[in-house]
PDB file of N, CA and C in Angstrom:
ATOM      1  N   MET A   1     -14.871 -14.722  -6.696  1.00  0.00           N
ATOM      2  CA  MET A   1     -14.123 -13.576  -7.150  1.00  0.00           C
ATOM      3  C   MET A   1     -14.360 -12.422  -6.184  1.00  0.00           C
ATOM      4  N   ILE A   2     -13.293 -11.711  -5.859  1.00  0.00           N
ATOM      5  CA  ILE A   2     -13.369 -10.554  -4.980  1.00  0.00           C
ATOM      6  C   ILE A   2     -13.116  -9.300  -5.806  1.00  0.00           C
ATOM      7  N   HIS A   3     -13.990  -8.332  -5.665  1.00  0.00           N
ATOM      8  CA  HIS A   3     -13.822  -7.054  -6.353  1.00  0.00           C
ATOM      9  C   HIS A   3     -13.461  -5.994  -5.313  1.00  0.00           C
ATOM     10  N   LEU A   4     -12.464  -5.201  -5.610  1.00  0.00           N
ATOM     11  CA  LEU A   4     -12.028  -4.167  -4.699  1.00  0.00           C
ATOM     12  C   LEU A   4     -12.097  -2.803  -5.354  1.00  0.00           C
ATOM     13  N   LEU A   5     -12.457  -1.832  -4.577  1.00  0.00           N
ATOM     14  CA  LEU A   5     -12.325  -0.446  -4.982  1.00  0.00           C
ATOM     15  C   LEU A   5     -11.273   0.143  -4.056  1.00  0.00           C
ATOM     16  N   ILE A   6     -10.099   0.379  -4.575  1.00  0.00           N
ATOM     17  CA  ILE A   6      -9.001   0.878  -3.760  1.00  0.00           C
ATOM     18  C   ILE A   6      -8.784   2.342  -4.104  1.00  0.00           C
ATOM     19  N   ILE A   7      -8.846   3.162  -3.093  1.00  0.00           N
ATOM     20  CA  ILE A   7      -8.652   4.591  -3.287  1.00  0.00           C
ATOM     21  C   ILE A   7      -7.317   4.972  -2.677  1.00  0.00           C
ATOM     22  N   GLN A   8      -6.426   5.492  -3.496  1.00  0.00           N
ATOM     23  CA  GLN A   8      -5.131   5.961  -3.022  1.00  0.00           C
ATOM     24  C   GLN A   8      -5.275   7.450  -2.728  1.00  0.00           C
ATOM     25  N   ILE A   9      -4.937   7.848  -1.482  1.00  0.00           N
ATOM     26  CA  ILE A   9      -5.128   9.236  -1.053  1.00  0.00           C
ATOM     27  C   ILE A   9      -3.808   9.839  -0.566  1.00  0.00           C
ATOM     28  N   GLY A  10      -3.767  11.150  -0.490  1.00  0.00           N
ATOM     29  CA  GLY A  10      -2.622  11.848   0.067  1.00  0.00           C
ATOM     30  C   GLY A  10      -1.337  11.592  -0.687  1.00  0.00           C
ATOM     31  N   GLY A  11      -1.408  11.568  -1.995  1.00  0.00           N
ATOM     32  CA  GLY A  11      -0.254  11.215  -2.797  1.00  0.00           C
ATOM     33  C   GLY A  11       0.794  12.303  -2.925  1.00  0.00           C
ATOM     34  N   VAL A  12       2.042  11.851  -3.028  1.00  0.00           N
ATOM     35  CA  VAL A  12       3.171  12.720  -3.328  1.00  0.00           C
ATOM     36  C   VAL A  12       3.903  12.073  -4.488  1.00  0.00           C
ATOM     37  N   ILE A  13       4.005  12.792  -5.599  1.00  0.00           N
ATOM     38  CA  ILE A  13       4.674  12.254  -6.785  1.00  0.00           C
ATOM     39  C   ILE A  13       5.880  13.123  -7.102  1.00  0.00           C
ATOM     40  N   ASP A  14       7.004  12.454  -7.328  1.00  0.00           N
ATOM     41  CA  ASP A  14       8.237  13.139  -7.701  1.00  0.00           C
ATOM     42  C   ASP A  14       8.650  12.672  -9.077  1.00  0.00           C
ATOM     43  N   GLY A  15       8.716  13.634 -10.008  1.00  0.00           N
ATOM     44  CA  GLY A  15       9.169  13.320 -11.355  1.00  0.00           C
ATOM     45  C   GLY A  15      10.685  13.335 -11.434  1.00  0.00           C
ATOM     46  N   ASP A  16      11.241  12.393 -12.175  1.00  0.00           N
ATOM     47  CA  ASP A  16      12.678  12.350 -12.385  1.00  0.00           C
ATOM     48  C   ASP A  16      13.065  13.411 -13.412  1.00  0.00           C
ATOM     49  N   PRO A  17      14.313  13.878 -13.384  1.00  0.00           N
ATOM     50  CA  PRO A  17      14.741  14.939 -14.303  1.00  0.00           C
ATOM     51  C   PRO A  17      14.568  14.596 -15.781  1.00  0.00           C
ATOM     52  N   ASP A  18      14.553  13.306 -16.127  1.00  0.00           N
ATOM     53  CA  ASP A  18      14.403  12.933 -17.541  1.00  0.00           C
ATOM     54  C   ASP A  18      13.011  13.210 -18.088  1.00  0.00           C
ATOM     55  N   GLY A  19      12.023  13.468 -17.198  1.00  0.00           N
ATOM     56  CA  GLY A  19      10.662  13.756 -17.628  1.00  0.00           C
ATOM     57  C   GLY A  19       9.903  12.544 -18.132  1.00  0.00           C
ATOM     58  N   ARG A  20      10.493  11.360 -18.008  1.00  0.00           N
ATOM     59  CA  ARG A  20       9.836  10.136 -18.501  1.00  0.00           C
ATOM     60  C   ARG A  20       9.494   9.147 -17.397  1.00  0.00           C
ATOM     61  N   THR A  21      10.045   9.357 -16.205  1.00  0.00           N
ATOM     62  CA  THR A  21       9.771   8.450 -15.105  1.00  0.00           C
ATOM     63  C   THR A  21       9.444   9.253 -13.853  1.00  0.00           C
ATOM     64  N   ALA A  22       8.729   8.626 -12.931  1.00  0.00           N
ATOM     65  CA  ALA A  22       8.354   9.273 -11.676  1.00  0.00           C
ATOM     66  C   ALA A  22       8.100   8.200 -10.628  1.00  0.00           C
ATOM     67  N   ARG A  23       8.083   8.635  -9.381  1.00  0.00           N
ATOM     68  CA  ARG A  23       7.740   7.759  -8.257  1.00  0.00           C
ATOM     69  C   ARG A  23       6.709   8.471  -7.401  1.00  0.00           C
ATOM     70  N   GLY A  24       5.842   7.703  -6.790  1.00  0.00           N
ATOM     71  CA  GLY A  24       4.800   8.296  -5.958  1.00  0.00           C
ATOM     72  C   GLY A  24       4.521   7.482  -4.721  1.00  0.00           C
ATOM     73  N   ARG A  25       4.130   8.151  -3.667  1.00  0.00           N
ATOM     74  CA  ARG A  25       3.740   7.505  -2.417  1.00  0.00           C
ATOM     75  C   ARG A  25       2.299   7.887  -2.123  1.00  0.00           C
ATOM     76  N   TRP A  26       1.509   6.883  -1.807  1.00  0.00           N
ATOM     77  CA  TRP A  26       0.097   7.063  -1.521  1.00  0.00           C
ATOM     78  C   TRP A  26      -0.263   6.271  -0.280  1.00  0.00           C
ATOM     79  N   GLN A  27      -1.323   6.712   0.387  1.00  0.00           N
ATOM     80  CA  GLN A  27      -1.851   6.001   1.535  1.00  0.00           C
ATOM     81  C   GLN A  27      -3.234   5.488   1.158  1.00  0.00           C
ATOM     82  N   THR A  28      -3.650   4.404   1.779  1.00  0.00           N
ATOM     83  CA  THR A  28      -5.010   3.928   1.534  1.00  0.00           C
ATOM     84  C   THR A  28      -5.611   3.315   2.784  1.00  0.00           C
ATOM     85  N   TRP A  29      -6.872   3.574   2.957  1.00  0.00           N
ATOM     86  CA  TRP A  29      -7.733   2.925   3.952  1.00  0.00           C
ATOM     87  C   TRP A  29      -8.866   2.314   3.160  1.00  0.00           C
ATOM     88  N   PHE A  30      -9.201   1.076   3.450  1.00  0.00           N
ATOM     89  CA  PHE A  30     -10.398   0.577   2.783  1.00  0.00           C
ATOM     90  C   PHE A  30     -11.030  -0.580   3.527  1.00  0.00           C
ATOM     91  N   PRO A  31     -12.363  -0.633   3.473  1.00  0.00           N
ATOM     92  CA  PRO A  31     -13.084  -1.784   4.005  1.00  0.00           C
ATOM     93  C   PRO A  31     -13.136  -2.849   2.917  1.00  0.00           C
ATOM     94  N   GLU A  32     -13.114  -4.085   3.341  1.00  0.00           N
ATOM     95  CA  GLU A  32     -13.142  -5.188   2.375  1.00  0.00           C
ATOM     96  C   GLU A  32     -13.944  -6.332   2.969  1.00  0.00           C
ATOM     97  N   VAL A  33     -14.479  -7.152   2.113  1.00  0.00           N
ATOM     98  CA  VAL A  33     -15.128  -8.390   2.533  1.00  0.00           C
ATOM     99  C   VAL A  33     -14.247  -9.531   2.042  1.00  0.00           C
ATOM    100  N   MET A  34     -13.777 -10.356   2.989  1.00  0.00           N
ATOM    101  CA  MET A  34     -12.918 -11.487   2.655  1.00  0.00           C
ATOM    102  C   MET A  34     -13.681 -12.783   2.906  1.00  0.00           C
ATOM    103  N   PRO A  35     -13.455 -13.782   2.058  1.00  0.00           N
ATOM    104  CA  PRO A  35     -14.104 -15.067   2.313  1.00  0.00           C
ATOM    105  C   PRO A  35     -13.454 -15.759   3.514  1.00  0.00           C
ATOM    106  N   SER A  36     -14.251 -16.524   4.263  1.00  0.00           N
ATOM    107  CA  SER A  36     -13.736 -17.343   5.363  1.00  0.00           C
ATOM    108  C   SER A  36     -14.602 -18.590   5.465  1.00  0.00           C
ATOM    109  N   ALA A  37     -14.169 -19.547   6.243  1.00  0.00           N
ATOM    110  CA  ALA A  37     -14.917 -20.800   6.401  1.00  0.00           C
ATOM    111  C   ALA A  37     -16.317 -20.547   6.953  1.00  0.00           C
ATOM    112  N   ALA A  38     -16.476 -19.518   7.773  1.00  0.00           N
ATOM    113  CA  ALA A  38     -17.766 -19.184   8.371  1.00  0.00           C
ATOM    114  C   ALA A  38     -18.612 -18.267   7.497  1.00  0.00           C
ATOM    115  N   GLY A  39     -18.118 -17.918   6.329  1.00  0.00           N
ATOM    116  CA  GLY A  39     -18.827 -17.007   5.447  1.00  0.00           C
ATOM    117  C   GLY A  39     -18.054 -15.709   5.305  1.00  0.00           C
ATOM    118  N   PRO A  40     -18.602 -14.744   4.579  1.00  0.00           N
ATOM    119  CA  PRO A  40     -17.893 -13.475   4.359  1.00  0.00           C
ATOM    120  C   PRO A  40     -17.550 -12.779   5.671  1.00  0.00           C
ATOM    121  N   ARG A  41     -16.371 -12.169   5.707  1.00  0.00           N
ATOM    122  CA  ARG A  41     -15.898 -11.465   6.900  1.00  0.00           C
ATOM    123  C   ARG A  41     -15.497 -10.046   6.511  1.00  0.00           C
ATOM    124  N   GLN A  42     -15.979  -9.061   7.287  1.00  0.00           N
ATOM    125  CA  GLN A  42     -15.621  -7.661   7.046  1.00  0.00           C
ATOM    126  C   GLN A  42     -14.254  -7.376   7.665  1.00  0.00           C
ATOM    127  N   VAL A  43     -13.414  -6.694   6.910  1.00  0.00           N
ATOM    128  CA  VAL A  43     -12.106  -6.310   7.446  1.00  0.00           C
ATOM    129  C   VAL A  43     -11.781  -4.871   7.058  1.00  0.00           C
ATOM    130  N   TRP A  44     -10.907  -4.248   7.846  1.00  0.00           N
ATOM    131  CA  TRP A  44     -10.311  -2.959   7.546  1.00  0.00           C
ATOM    132  C   TRP A  44      -8.881  -3.201   7.116  1.00  0.00           C
ATOM    133  N   LEU A  45      -8.430  -2.476   6.113  1.00  0.00           N
ATOM    134  CA  LEU A  45      -7.041  -2.537   5.689  1.00  0.00           C
ATOM    135  C   LEU A  45      -6.475  -1.134   5.592  1.00  0.00           C
ATOM    136  N   HIS A  46      -5.208  -1.017   5.907  1.00  0.00           N
ATOM    137  CA  HIS A  46      -4.484   0.245   5.756  1.00  0.00           C
ATOM    138  C   HIS A  46      -3.095  -0.083   5.238  1.00  0.00           C
ATOM    139  N   GLY A  47      -2.586   0.784   4.404  1.00  0.00           N
ATOM    140  CA  GLY A  47      -1.236   0.565   3.913  1.00  0.00           C
ATOM    141  C   GLY A  47      -0.756   1.718   3.066  1.00  0.00           C
ATOM    142  N   TYR A  48       0.462   1.554   2.567  1.00  0.00           N
ATOM    143  CA  TYR A  48       1.096   2.554   1.731  1.00  0.00           C
ATOM    144  C   TYR A  48       1.482   1.952   0.396  1.00  0.00           C
ATOM    145  N   TYR A  49       1.350   2.753  -0.629  1.00  0.00           N
ATOM    146  CA  TYR A  49       1.844   2.394  -1.952  1.00  0.00           C
ATOM    147  C   TYR A  49       3.101   3.203  -2.226  1.00  0.00           C
ATOM    148  N   GLU A  50       4.118   2.568  -2.744  1.00  0.00           N
ATOM    149  CA  GLU A  50       5.304   3.236  -3.279  1.00  0.00           C
ATOM    150  C   GLU A  50       5.356   2.796  -4.739  1.00  0.00           C
ATOM    151  N   ASN A  51       4.864   3.639  -5.625  1.00  0.00           N
ATOM    152  CA  ASN A  51       4.680   3.268  -7.028  1.00  0.00           C
ATOM    153  C   ASN A  51       5.732   3.884  -7.945  1.00  0.00           C
ATOM    154  N   GLU A  52       5.917   3.235  -9.081  1.00  0.00           N
ATOM    155  CA  GLU A  52       6.792   3.754 -10.128  1.00  0.00           C
ATOM    156  C   GLU A  52       5.943   3.989 -11.372  1.00  0.00           C
ATOM    157  N   TYR A  53       6.223   5.099 -12.072  1.00  0.00           N
ATOM    158  CA  TYR A  53       5.469   5.474 -13.259  1.00  0.00           C
ATOM    159  C   TYR A  53       6.412   5.706 -14.433  1.00  0.00           C
ATOM    160  N   VAL A  54       5.881   5.530 -15.630  1.00  0.00           N
ATOM    161  CA  VAL A  54       6.656   5.782 -16.841  1.00  0.00           C
ATOM    162  C   VAL A  54       5.749   6.501 -17.840  1.00  0.00           C
ATOM    163  N   LYS A  55       6.331   7.432 -18.588  1.00  0.00           N
ATOM    164  CA  LYS A  55       5.572   8.165 -19.597  1.00  0.00           C
ATOM    165  C   LYS A  55       5.857   7.544 -20.960  1.00  0.00           C
ATOM    166  N   GLU A  56       4.790   7.064 -21.604  1.00  0.00           N
ATOM    167  CA  GLU A  56       4.901   6.451 -22.929  1.00  0.00           C
ATOM    168  C   GLU A  56       3.886   7.088 -23.858  1.00  0.00           C
ATOM    169  N   ASN A  57       4.354   7.540 -25.003  1.00  0.00           N
ATOM    170  CA  ASN A  57       3.491   8.187 -25.995  1.00  0.00           C
ATOM    171  C   ASN A  57       2.661   9.313 -25.384  1.00  0.00           C
ATOM    172  N   GLY A  58       3.286  10.089 -24.490  1.00  0.00           N
ATOM    173  CA  GLY A  58       2.624  11.245 -23.897  1.00  0.00           C
ATOM    174  C   GLY A  58       1.664  10.929 -22.771  1.00  0.00           C
ATOM    175  N   LYS A  59       1.565   9.646 -22.338  1.00  0.00           N
ATOM    176  CA  LYS A  59       0.643   9.258 -21.268  1.00  0.00           C
ATOM    177  C   LYS A  59       1.430   8.628 -20.115  1.00  0.00           C
ATOM    178  N   TRP A  60       1.042   8.984 -18.888  1.00  0.00           N
ATOM    179  CA  TRP A  60       1.655   8.398 -17.707  1.00  0.00           C
ATOM    180  C   TRP A  60       0.994   7.062 -17.397  1.00  0.00           C
ATOM    181  N   LEU A  61       1.816   6.030 -17.229  1.00  0.00           N
ATOM    182  CA  LEU A  61       1.344   4.683 -16.933  1.00  0.00           C
ATOM    183  C   LEU A  61       2.013   4.154 -15.669  1.00  0.00           C
ATOM    184  N   SER A  62       1.339   3.261 -14.982  1.00  0.00           N
ATOM    185  CA  SER A  62       1.946   2.601 -13.824  1.00  0.00           C
ATOM    186  C   SER A  62       2.948   1.572 -14.314  1.00  0.00           C
ATOM    187  N   LYS A  63       4.148   1.626 -13.755  1.00  0.00           N
ATOM    188  CA  LYS A  63       5.180   0.650 -14.087  1.00  0.00           C
ATOM    189  C   LYS A  63       5.231  -0.443 -13.016  1.00  0.00           C
ATOM    190  N   LYS A  64       5.264  -0.053 -11.763  1.00  0.00           N
ATOM    191  CA  LYS A  64       5.261  -0.980 -10.633  1.00  0.00           C
ATOM    192  C   LYS A  64       4.369  -0.404  -9.553  1.00  0.00           C
ATOM    193  N   ILE A  65       3.600  -1.256  -8.904  1.00  0.00           N
ATOM    194  CA  ILE A  65       2.768  -0.852  -7.785  1.00  0.00           C
ATOM    195  C   ILE A  65       3.180  -1.709  -6.597  1.00  0.00           C
ATOM    196  N   TYR A  66       3.789  -1.075  -5.611  1.00  0.00           N
ATOM    197  CA  TYR A  66       4.226  -1.776  -4.405  1.00  0.00           C
ATOM    198  C   TYR A  66       3.239  -1.495  -3.282  1.00  0.00           C
ATOM    199  N   TRP A  67       2.649  -2.537  -2.749  1.00  0.00           N
ATOM    200  CA  TRP A  67       1.667  -2.416  -1.679  1.00  0.00           C
ATOM    201  C   TRP A  67       2.317  -2.864  -0.389  1.00  0.00           C
ATOM    202  N   ASN A  68       2.352  -2.001   0.600  1.00  0.00           N
ATOM    203  CA  ASN A  68       2.926  -2.283   1.913  1.00  0.00           C
ATOM    204  C   ASN A  68       1.816  -2.195   2.952  1.00  0.00           C
ATOM    205  N   VAL A  69       1.389  -3.322   3.467  1.00  0.00           N
ATOM    206  CA  VAL A  69       0.281  -3.364   4.411  1.00  0.00           C
ATOM    207  C   VAL A  69       0.744  -2.916   5.791  1.00  0.00           C
ATOM    208  N   THR A  70       0.016  -1.982   6.385  1.00  0.00           N
ATOM    209  CA  THR A  70       0.260  -1.580   7.761  1.00  0.00           C
ATOM    210  C   THR A  70      -0.529  -2.483   8.696  1.00  0.00           C
ATOM    211  N   PHE A  71      -1.798  -2.698   8.368  1.00  0.00           N
ATOM    212  CA  PHE A  71      -2.590  -3.653   9.133  1.00  0.00           C
ATOM    213  C   PHE A  71      -3.808  -4.107   8.360  1.00  0.00           C
ATOM    214  N   CYS A  72      -4.321  -5.236   8.796  1.00  0.00           N
ATOM    215  CA  CYS A  72      -5.590  -5.789   8.340  1.00  0.00           C
ATOM    216  C   CYS A  72      -6.244  -6.350   9.583  1.00  0.00           C
ATOM    217  N   THR A  73      -7.492  -6.008   9.831  1.00  0.00           N
ATOM    218  CA  THR A  73      -8.157  -6.467  11.042  1.00  0.00           C
ATOM    219  C   THR A  73      -9.654  -6.610  10.795  1.00  0.00           C
ATOM    220  N   THR A  74     -10.311  -7.360  11.650  1.00  0.00           N
ATOM    221  CA  THR A  74     -11.755  -7.502  11.498  1.00  0.00           C
ATOM    222  C   THR A  74     -12.447  -6.187  11.843  1.00  0.00           C
ATOM    223  N   TYR A  75     -13.542  -5.949  11.198  1.00  0.00           N
ATOM    224  CA  TYR A  75     -14.322  -4.735  11.407  1.00  0.00           C
ATOM    225  C   TYR A  75     -14.824  -4.668  12.850  1.00  0.00           C
ATOM    226  N   GLU A  76     -15.295  -5.798  13.350  1.00  0.00           N
ATOM    227  CA  GLU A  76     -15.907  -5.825  14.679  1.00  0.00           C
ATOM    228  C   GLU A  76     -14.887  -5.586  15.798  1.00  0.00           C
ATOM    229  N   THR A  77     -13.674  -6.089  15.639  1.00  0.00           N
ATOM    230  CA  THR A  77     -12.686  -6.026  16.719  1.00  0.00           C
ATOM    231  C   THR A  77     -11.815  -4.782  16.649  1.00  0.00           C
ATOM    232  N   GLY A  78     -11.365  -4.414  15.456  1.00  0.00           N
ATOM    233  CA  GLY A  78     -10.516  -3.236  15.303  1.00  0.00           C
ATOM    234  C   GLY A  78      -9.037  -3.564  15.412  1.00  0.00           C
ATOM    235  N   TRP A  79      -8.194  -2.646  14.895  1.00  0.00           N
ATOM    236  CA  TRP A  79      -6.763  -2.910  14.789  1.00  0.00           C
ATOM    237  C   TRP A  79      -6.016  -2.804  16.105  1.00  0.00           C
ATOM    238  N   LEU A  80      -6.562  -2.098  17.089  1.00  0.00           N
ATOM    239  CA  LEU A  80      -5.881  -2.029  18.377  1.00  0.00           C
ATOM    240  C   LEU A  80      -5.962  -3.347  19.134  1.00  0.00           C
ATOM    241  N   LYS A  81      -7.095  -4.012  19.038  1.00  0.00           N
ATOM    242  CA  LYS A  81      -7.273  -5.260  19.774  1.00  0.00           C
ATOM    243  C   LYS A  81      -6.825  -6.482  18.997  1.00  0.00           C
ATOM    244  N   PHE A  82      -6.955  -6.457  17.678  1.00  0.00           N
ATOM    245  CA  PHE A  82      -6.674  -7.665  16.908  1.00  0.00           C
ATOM    246  C   PHE A  82      -6.087  -7.342  15.536  1.00  0.00           C
ATOM    247  N   PRO A  83      -4.808  -6.973  15.484  1.00  0.00           N
ATOM    248  CA  PRO A  83      -4.195  -6.812  14.162  1.00  0.00           C
ATOM    249  C   PRO A  83      -3.926  -8.192  13.573  1.00  0.00           C
ATOM    250  N   MET A  84      -4.417  -8.425  12.383  1.00  0.00           N
ATOM    251  CA  MET A  84      -4.205  -9.714  11.718  1.00  0.00           C
ATOM    252  C   MET A  84      -2.839  -9.667  11.048  1.00  0.00           C
ATOM    253  N   LEU A  85      -1.911 -10.436  11.527  1.00  0.00           N
ATOM    254  CA  LEU A  85      -0.541 -10.394  11.053  1.00  0.00           C
ATOM    255  C   LEU A  85      -0.235 -11.555  10.131  1.00  0.00           C
ATOM    256  N   GLY A  86       0.693 -11.329   9.203  1.00  0.00           N
ATOM    257  CA  GLY A  86       1.228 -12.397   8.388  1.00  0.00           C
ATOM    258  C   GLY A  86       0.361 -12.880   7.250  1.00  0.00           C
ATOM    259  N   ILE A  87      -0.701 -12.149   6.892  1.00  0.00           N
ATOM    260  CA  ILE A  87      -1.536 -12.612   5.784  1.00  0.00           C
ATOM    261  C   ILE A  87      -1.165 -11.955   4.465  1.00  0.00           C
ATOM    262  N   PHE A  88      -0.237 -11.021   4.485  1.00  0.00           N
ATOM    263  CA  PHE A  88       0.235 -10.353   3.275  1.00  0.00           C
ATOM    264  C   PHE A  88       1.738 -10.468   3.233  1.00  0.00           C
ATOM    265  N   PRO A  89       2.422 -10.270   2.160  1.00  0.00           N
ATOM    266  CA  PRO A  89       1.928  -9.979   0.835  1.00  0.00           C
ATOM    267  C   PRO A  89       1.475 -11.254   0.121  1.00  0.00           C
ATOM    268  N   PHE A  90       0.657 -11.065  -0.892  1.00  0.00           N
ATOM    269  CA  PHE A  90       0.230 -12.192  -1.705  1.00  0.00           C
ATOM    270  C   PHE A  90       1.418 -12.685  -2.521  1.00  0.00           C
ATOM    271  N   PRO A  91       1.550 -13.986  -2.745  1.00  0.00           N
ATOM    272  CA  PRO A  91       2.723 -14.493  -3.463  1.00  0.00           C
ATOM    273  C   PRO A  91       2.802 -14.069  -4.919  1.00  0.00           C
ATOM    274  N   ASP A  92       1.691 -13.671  -5.523  1.00  0.00           N
ATOM    275  CA  ASP A  92       1.706 -13.312  -6.940  1.00  0.00           C
ATOM    276  C   ASP A  92       1.869 -11.807  -7.186  1.00  0.00           C
ATOM    277  N   MET A  93       2.079 -11.033  -6.117  1.00  0.00           N
ATOM    278  CA  MET A  93       2.255  -9.592  -6.285  1.00  0.00           C
ATOM    279  C   MET A  93       3.724  -9.263  -6.463  1.00  0.00           C
ATOM    280  N   ASP A  94       4.001  -8.088  -6.992  1.00  0.00           N
ATOM    281  CA  ASP A  94       5.377  -7.603  -7.015  1.00  0.00           C
ATOM    282  C   ASP A  94       5.870  -7.535  -5.580  1.00  0.00           C
ATOM    283  N   GLY A  95       7.097  -7.934  -5.356  1.00  0.00           N
ATOM    284  CA  GLY A  95       7.646  -7.869  -4.012  1.00  0.00           C
ATOM    285  C   GLY A  95       7.717  -6.435  -3.531  1.00  0.00           C
ATOM    286  N   PRO A  96       7.416  -6.190  -2.266  1.00  0.00           N
ATOM    287  CA  PRO A  96       7.509  -4.826  -1.757  1.00  0.00           C
ATOM    288  C   PRO A  96       8.961  -4.380  -1.704  1.00  0.00           C
ATOM    289  N   PRO A  97       9.200  -3.056  -1.722  1.00  0.00           N
ATOM    290  CA  PRO A  97      10.565  -2.564  -1.712  1.00  0.00           C
ATOM    291  C   PRO A  97      11.258  -2.759  -0.368  1.00  0.00           C
ATOM    292  N   THR A  98      10.478  -3.117   0.655  1.00  0.00           N
ATOM    293  CA  THR A  98      11.028  -3.348   1.982  1.00  0.00           C
ATOM    294  C   THR A  98      10.406  -4.602   2.560  1.00  0.00           C
ATOM    295  N   ALA A  99      10.934  -5.036   3.683  1.00  0.00           N
ATOM    296  CA  ALA A  99      10.373  -6.207   4.359  1.00  0.00           C
ATOM    297  C   ALA A  99       8.980  -5.885   4.904  1.00  0.00           C
ATOM    298  N   PHE A 100       8.232  -6.925   5.177  1.00  0.00           N
ATOM    299  CA  PHE A 100       6.870  -6.777   5.684  1.00  0.00           C
ATOM    300  C   PHE A 100       6.904  -6.638   7.202  1.00  0.00           C
ATOM    301  N   HIS A 101       6.497  -5.479   7.716  1.00  0.00           N
ATOM    302  CA  HIS A 101       6.491  -5.204   9.153  1.00  0.00           C
ATOM    303  C   HIS A 101       5.167  -4.543   9.526  1.00  0.00           C
ATOM    304  N   PRO A 102       4.076  -5.307   9.680  1.00  0.00           N
ATOM    305  CA  PRO A 102       2.783  -4.690   9.952  1.00  0.00           C
ATOM    306  C   PRO A 102       2.663  -4.175  11.387  1.00  0.00           C
ATOM    307  N   TYR A 103       1.594  -3.421  11.621  1.00  0.00           N
ATOM    308  CA  TYR A 103       1.239  -2.954  12.950  1.00  0.00           C
ATOM    309  C   TYR A 103       1.169  -4.157  13.868  1.00  0.00           C
ATOM    310  N   PRO A 104       1.624  -4.111  15.072  1.00  0.00           N
ATOM    311  CA  PRO A 104       2.079  -2.962  15.855  1.00  0.00           C
ATOM    312  C   PRO A 104       3.601  -2.823  15.921  1.00  0.00           C
ATOM    313  N   SER A 105       4.315  -3.190  14.885  1.00  0.00           N
ATOM    314  CA  SER A 105       5.778  -3.183  14.914  1.00  0.00           C
ATOM    315  C   SER A 105       6.384  -1.790  15.071  1.00  0.00           C
ATOM    316  N   GLY A 106       5.662  -0.732  14.662  1.00  0.00           N
ATOM    317  CA  GLY A 106       6.208   0.614  14.708  1.00  0.00           C
ATOM    318  C   GLY A 106       7.062   0.946  13.500  1.00  0.00           C
ATOM    319  N   TYR A 107       7.164   0.010  12.571  1.00  0.00           N
ATOM    320  CA  TYR A 107       7.955   0.207  11.359  1.00  0.00           C
ATOM    321  C   TYR A 107       7.287   1.223  10.455  1.00  0.00           C
ATOM    322  N   HIS A 108       8.076   2.092   9.828  1.00  0.00           N
ATOM    323  CA  HIS A 108       7.564   3.073   8.876  1.00  0.00           C
ATOM    324  C   HIS A 108       8.122   2.758   7.500  1.00  0.00           C
ATOM    325  N   VAL A 109       7.251   2.611   6.525  1.00  0.00           N
ATOM    326  CA  VAL A 109       7.672   2.332   5.154  1.00  0.00           C
ATOM    327  C   VAL A 109       8.498   3.510   4.659  1.00  0.00           C
ATOM    328  N   PRO A 110       9.731   3.253   4.187  1.00  0.00           N
ATOM    329  CA  PRO A 110      10.573   4.372   3.742  1.00  0.00           C
ATOM    330  C   PRO A 110       9.998   5.077   2.518  1.00  0.00           C
ATOM    331  N   TYR A 111      10.259   6.363   2.447  1.00  0.00           N
ATOM    332  CA  TYR A 111       9.857   7.148   1.286  1.00  0.00           C
ATOM    333  C   TYR A 111      10.815   6.894   0.130  1.00  0.00           C
ATOM    334  N   HIS A 112      10.332   7.111  -1.081  1.00  0.00           N
ATOM    335  CA  HIS A 112      11.157   6.952  -2.272  1.00  0.00           C
ATOM    336  C   HIS A 112      12.125   8.116  -2.447  1.00  0.00           C
ATOM    337  N   SER A 113      11.881   9.203  -1.742  1.00  0.00           N
ATOM    338  CA  SER A 113      12.735  10.383  -1.868  1.00  0.00           C
ATOM    339  C   SER A 113      13.102  10.890  -0.477  1.00  0.00           C
ATOM    340  N   LYS A 114      13.959  11.869  -0.422  1.00  0.00           N
ATOM    341  CA  LYS A 114      14.345  12.452   0.858  1.00  0.00           C
ATOM    342  C   LYS A 114      13.196  13.254   1.447  1.00  0.00           C
ATOM    343  N   HIS A 115      13.110  13.247   2.764  1.00  0.00           N
ATOM    344  CA  HIS A 115      12.078  13.996   3.465  1.00  0.00           C
ATOM    345  C   HIS A 115      12.279  15.497   3.183  1.00  0.00           C
ATOM    346  N   PRO A 116      11.210  16.222   2.832  1.00  0.00           N
ATOM    347  CA  PRO A 116      11.356  17.628   2.451  1.00  0.00           C
ATOM    348  C   PRO A 116      11.818  18.551   3.580  1.00  0.00           C
ATOM    349  N   VAL A 117      11.641  18.151   4.835  1.00  0.00           N
ATOM    350  CA  VAL A 117      12.056  18.979   5.960  1.00  0.00           C
ATOM    351  C   VAL A 117      13.391  18.522   6.518  1.00  0.00           C
ATOM    352  N   THR A 118      13.503  17.223   6.816  1.00  0.00           N
ATOM    353  CA  THR A 118      14.719  16.731   7.460  1.00  0.00           C
ATOM    354  C   THR A 118      15.832  16.421   6.480  1.00  0.00           C
ATOM    355  N   GLY A 119      15.479  16.162   5.212  1.00  0.00           N
ATOM    356  CA  GLY A 119      16.487  15.798   4.210  1.00  0.00           C
ATOM    357  C   GLY A 119      16.967  14.371   4.334  1.00  0.00           C
ATOM    358  N   GLU A 120      16.381  13.617   5.233  1.00  0.00           N
ATOM    359  CA  GLU A 120      16.787  12.211   5.430  1.00  0.00           C
ATOM    360  C   GLU A 120      16.011  11.288   4.506  1.00  0.00           C
TER     361      GLU A 120
END
């Protein structure tokens, strides 16, 4: 069993006019230990969450959590030298809102709302 502590940082949440639903974008960096044939392996992961929320009985709950991996790499080598590609998404997760394009593709996960400066 693998236990993770995932910290979502730098969040932007936009509430819908109905006051019952919202969407949020978060970034995460985290170290993880993954099993391998040679024993536990340290890795770095980075990605974005594009989440959906719903308000029920006065409490905000997660409705959908979309995880978009930017990269996963070994701790010793780093993401510039060895980005581990094609190991995500897990088949049992909710499908991401976009295709999987990890580093170094240059792909940027789209925002759920228009950019506050450019309006795009």
